[in-house]
Protein backbone atom coordinates (compact mmCIF):
# COMPACT_ATOMS: atom_id res chain seq x y z
CA MET A 1 5.20 -16.55 -44.83
CA THR A 2 4.55 -19.74 -42.84
CA ASP A 3 4.89 -20.72 -39.17
CA VAL A 4 4.52 -17.12 -37.98
CA ASP A 5 5.38 -16.66 -34.31
CA LEU A 6 3.90 -13.18 -34.00
CA GLU A 7 1.65 -10.82 -35.90
CA MET A 8 2.10 -7.16 -35.07
CA PHE A 9 -0.65 -4.79 -36.17
CA VAL A 10 0.78 -1.35 -36.91
CA ASP A 11 -0.06 2.10 -38.20
CA PRO A 12 2.99 3.97 -39.53
CA VAL A 13 1.92 7.27 -37.94
CA CYS A 14 1.77 5.83 -34.39
CA PRO A 15 5.06 6.60 -32.62
CA TYR A 16 4.42 3.97 -29.95
CA CYS A 17 3.98 1.37 -32.72
CA TRP A 18 7.34 2.43 -34.06
CA VAL A 19 9.16 2.08 -30.75
CA THR A 20 7.51 -1.25 -29.93
CA SER A 21 8.25 -2.54 -33.41
CA ARG A 22 11.98 -1.83 -32.99
CA TRP A 23 11.90 -3.92 -29.81
CA VAL A 24 10.10 -6.71 -31.68
CA VAL A 25 12.77 -6.63 -34.41
CA GLU A 26 15.50 -6.80 -31.75
CA VAL A 27 13.88 -9.84 -30.13
CA ALA A 28 13.09 -11.53 -33.45
CA THR A 29 16.73 -11.21 -34.48
CA GLN A 30 17.99 -12.74 -31.23
CA ARG A 31 15.35 -15.47 -30.98
CA GLY A 32 14.89 -16.30 -34.66
CA LEU A 33 11.20 -15.41 -34.60
CA GLN A 34 9.04 -15.07 -37.70
CA VAL A 35 6.99 -11.85 -37.60
CA ARG A 36 4.18 -10.78 -39.90
CA TRP A 37 3.36 -7.07 -40.06
CA ARG A 38 -0.30 -6.22 -40.53
CA PRO A 39 -2.31 -2.99 -40.81
CA ILE A 40 -4.45 -1.43 -38.12
CA SER A 41 -5.83 1.99 -38.98
CA LEU A 42 -5.96 4.77 -36.42
CA TRP A 43 -8.20 6.62 -38.84
CA LEU A 44 -10.78 3.83 -38.68
CA LEU A 45 -10.45 3.51 -34.90
CA ASN A 46 -10.89 7.24 -34.21
CA ARG A 47 -12.88 8.79 -37.04
CA GLU A 48 -16.31 8.54 -35.37
CA GLY A 49 -17.04 11.94 -33.86
CA ALA A 50 -13.60 13.29 -34.79
CA ASP A 51 -13.10 16.73 -36.31
CA PRO A 52 -11.88 15.86 -39.83
CA THR A 53 -10.08 19.20 -40.07
CA SER A 54 -7.98 18.69 -36.94
CA SER A 55 -4.27 18.02 -37.30
CA LEU A 56 -4.64 14.67 -35.52
CA SER A 57 -7.39 13.50 -37.89
CA ARG A 58 -5.30 14.60 -40.84
CA LEU A 59 -2.38 12.61 -39.46
CA HIS A 60 -4.55 9.53 -39.06
CA ARG A 61 -5.83 9.86 -42.64
CA ASP A 62 -2.22 10.15 -43.76
CA GLY A 63 -1.39 6.95 -41.91
CA HIS A 64 -4.34 5.25 -43.59
CA ALA A 65 -2.96 6.27 -46.98
CA ARG A 66 0.39 4.69 -46.11
CA LEU A 67 -1.40 1.52 -45.04
CA ARG A 68 -2.95 1.35 -48.50
CA VAL A 69 0.58 1.14 -49.90
CA MET A 70 1.44 -1.68 -47.49
CA VAL A 71 -1.68 -3.60 -48.52
CA ALA A 72 -0.98 -3.04 -52.21
CA VAL A 73 2.53 -4.45 -51.81
CA GLU A 74 1.27 -7.48 -49.89
CA GLN A 75 -1.44 -8.20 -52.44
CA ALA A 76 1.12 -8.14 -55.23
CA LEU A 77 4.18 -9.67 -53.58
CA GLY A 78 3.02 -11.43 -50.41
CA PRO A 79 3.79 -10.56 -46.77
CA GLU A 80 7.58 -10.98 -46.87
CA PRO A 81 8.45 -7.41 -48.02
CA ILE A 82 6.16 -5.69 -45.51
CA GLY A 83 8.64 -5.67 -42.62
CA ALA A 84 11.22 -3.83 -44.68
CA LEU A 85 8.58 -1.44 -46.02
CA TYR A 86 7.18 -0.66 -42.58
CA THR A 87 10.73 -0.05 -41.33
CA ALA A 88 11.40 2.35 -44.19
CA LEU A 89 8.12 4.18 -43.62
CA GLY A 90 8.78 4.44 -39.88
CA GLU A 91 12.32 5.72 -40.37
CA ALA A 92 11.07 8.38 -42.77
CA ILE A 93 8.48 9.56 -40.23
CA TRP A 94 9.98 9.08 -36.77
CA GLU A 95 13.73 9.15 -37.33
CA ALA A 96 13.53 12.43 -39.26
CA ASP A 97 14.55 15.68 -37.61
CA ALA A 98 11.99 17.49 -35.48
CA PRO A 99 10.32 20.51 -37.06
CA ALA A 100 11.55 23.93 -36.02
CA ALA A 101 8.29 24.74 -34.21
CA ASP A 102 7.52 23.24 -30.81
CA GLY A 103 4.60 20.96 -30.02
CA PHE A 104 2.81 17.88 -31.32
CA ARG A 105 0.64 19.87 -33.73
CA ALA A 106 3.77 21.06 -35.52
CA VAL A 107 4.94 17.44 -35.78
CA THR A 108 1.65 16.18 -37.19
CA GLU A 109 1.45 18.98 -39.74
CA ASP A 110 5.07 18.38 -40.75
CA ILE A 111 4.51 14.65 -41.24
CA VAL A 112 1.45 15.19 -43.42
CA ALA A 113 3.08 17.95 -45.45
CA SER A 114 6.30 16.03 -46.04
CA ARG A 115 4.80 12.67 -47.06
CA ASP A 116 7.23 10.93 -49.41
CA LEU A 117 6.38 7.35 -50.36
CA VAL A 118 8.86 6.98 -53.19
CA THR A 119 11.93 7.12 -50.95
CA PRO A 120 10.71 4.45 -48.45
CA LEU A 121 9.62 2.15 -51.27
CA ALA A 122 13.02 2.48 -52.90
CA ALA A 123 14.76 1.93 -49.56
CA ALA A 124 12.77 -1.31 -49.15
CA GLY A 125 13.77 -2.44 -52.64
CA LEU A 126 10.23 -2.16 -53.97
CA PRO A 127 8.85 -0.58 -57.17
CA VAL A 128 8.09 3.08 -56.49
CA SER A 129 4.92 2.75 -58.58
CA PHE A 130 3.27 1.34 -55.44
CA ALA A 131 3.13 4.94 -54.16
CA ASP A 132 0.03 5.44 -56.30
CA ALA A 133 -1.89 3.08 -54.00
CA ALA A 134 -1.98 5.78 -51.31
CA GLU A 135 -4.90 7.45 -53.09
CA ASP A 136 -6.73 4.24 -54.03
CA ALA A 137 -9.69 3.38 -51.82
CA ALA A 138 -9.81 -0.11 -53.35
CA TYR A 139 -7.44 -1.22 -50.58
CA ASP A 140 -9.64 0.06 -47.75
CA GLY A 141 -11.57 -3.19 -47.42
CA ASP A 142 -8.45 -5.14 -46.53
CA ILE A 143 -7.38 -2.46 -44.05
CA SER A 144 -10.80 -2.55 -42.40
CA THR A 145 -10.78 -6.35 -42.21
CA SER A 146 -7.31 -6.40 -40.64
CA THR A 147 -8.26 -3.67 -38.17
CA ASP A 148 -11.40 -5.54 -37.15
CA GLU A 149 -9.40 -8.75 -36.74
CA ALA A 150 -6.89 -7.04 -34.45
CA LEU A 151 -9.72 -5.72 -32.27
CA ALA A 152 -11.44 -9.11 -32.20
CA ARG A 153 -8.28 -10.82 -31.02
CA VAL A 154 -7.92 -8.51 -28.02
CA GLY A 155 -11.65 -8.36 -27.31
CA GLY A 156 -12.23 -4.81 -28.56
CA GLY A 157 -11.43 -1.44 -27.07
CA ALA A 158 -7.82 -1.44 -28.22
CA GLY A 159 -5.48 1.06 -29.81
CA THR A 160 -2.06 0.62 -31.36
CA PRO A 161 0.03 -1.46 -31.38
CA VAL A 162 -1.55 -4.92 -31.12
CA LEU A 163 0.63 -8.02 -30.71
CA SER A 164 -0.85 -11.43 -31.52
CA PHE A 165 1.19 -14.44 -30.38
CA GLY A 166 0.92 -17.75 -32.23
CA PRO A 167 -1.70 -16.32 -34.59
CA PRO A 168 -4.51 -16.60 -35.24
CA ASP A 169 -5.61 -18.57 -32.17
CA GLY A 170 -3.00 -17.56 -29.60
CA PRO A 171 -3.30 -14.72 -27.06
CA ALA A 172 -3.14 -11.07 -28.14
CA PHE A 173 -2.44 -7.76 -26.39
CA PHE A 174 -2.95 -4.07 -26.97
CA GLY A 175 0.67 -3.17 -26.29
CA PRO A 176 3.16 -3.30 -24.81
CA VAL A 177 3.31 0.47 -25.15
CA LEU A 178 6.97 1.41 -24.95
CA ALA A 179 8.56 4.84 -24.99
CA ARG A 180 12.14 3.57 -25.37
CA VAL A 181 13.48 0.56 -27.22
CA PRO A 182 14.79 -2.15 -24.85
CA GLU A 183 18.02 -3.59 -26.21
CA GLY A 184 20.15 -6.67 -25.72
CA ASP A 185 19.35 -8.70 -22.63
CA GLN A 186 16.73 -6.18 -21.52
CA ALA A 187 14.82 -6.67 -24.78
CA LEU A 188 14.67 -10.40 -24.11
CA ALA A 189 13.69 -9.88 -20.47
CA VAL A 190 10.76 -7.69 -21.51
CA TRP A 191 9.75 -10.22 -24.16
CA ASP A 192 9.82 -13.09 -21.67
CA ALA A 193 7.74 -11.08 -19.22
CA VAL A 194 5.16 -10.20 -21.87
CA THR A 195 4.92 -13.73 -23.25
CA THR A 196 4.62 -15.15 -19.73
CA LEU A 197 1.62 -12.91 -19.12
CA ALA A 198 0.22 -13.77 -22.54
CA SER A 199 0.36 -17.48 -21.78
CA THR A 200 -1.39 -17.03 -18.42
CA ALA A 201 -5.04 -17.66 -19.22
CA SER A 202 -6.33 -15.84 -16.15
CA PHE A 203 -4.34 -12.65 -16.83
CA ALA A 204 -6.58 -9.74 -17.87
CA GLU A 205 -4.85 -6.34 -17.74
CA LEU A 206 -1.83 -4.41 -16.48
CA LYS A 207 -1.85 -0.65 -16.95
CA ARG A 208 -0.60 2.67 -15.59
CA SER A 209 -1.53 6.18 -16.64
CA GLN A 210 1.94 7.68 -16.38
CA ARG A 211 3.42 7.69 -19.87
CA GLU A 212 6.63 9.01 -21.36
CA LEU A 213 6.62 10.34 -24.90
CA PRO A 214 8.27 8.05 -27.42
CA GLN A 215 11.96 8.85 -27.59
CA VAL A 216 12.30 9.42 -31.32
CA PRO A 217 13.97 12.32 -33.16
CA ARG A 218 10.75 13.63 -34.74
CA LEU A 219 9.28 14.31 -31.27
CA ALA A 220 12.38 15.93 -29.80
CA ARG A 221 10.73 19.33 -29.44
CA VAL A 222 7.36 18.13 -28.13
CA GLY A 223 6.90 19.09 -24.52
CA SER A 224 10.12 21.12 -24.47
């Protein structure tokens, strides 16, 4: 993939990544942008001091395993199939029905328990044998390098997602963190606002603590 306009660093188990990515796809379709999808591991970002037995840590480890599959595909076939693969992984996780039990813990346990890599690989038109990469630590070095690069581009202290404009030397953001997918003209308006801020060298940060849960089917019973 050449002349990339944007690199988006994602972890499949981050619902905010998923929502933001659907906005990026909407904008890329309307503006003809070239997007490269790259791994950033929530497991690597949060494992220090974390309880490895907690449901959140288990979810992050599960996301890391899915990132191994993404890296394996890219190593074998290049970056072009990764957008379709990430879409298939995200649909399997976040567009699935909510579990019967209420709460985020029930969601995380359900995601980990129901991991199916064969179906997303097939949906993306990829050999299902790549599913074996989920248990192969040989891909961890590339995930770590990509995660470190995402943090370096935003100056550290970031989470997911990270957007890098005109990579590798252009500006980068942690965010935007979106709970709903802007569509049509609104998607473009948000994009223009974000890229205007990105191109303003003196701009540092814009943040508010109030946050809506991502509006995806898997989280329909969280907070109810």
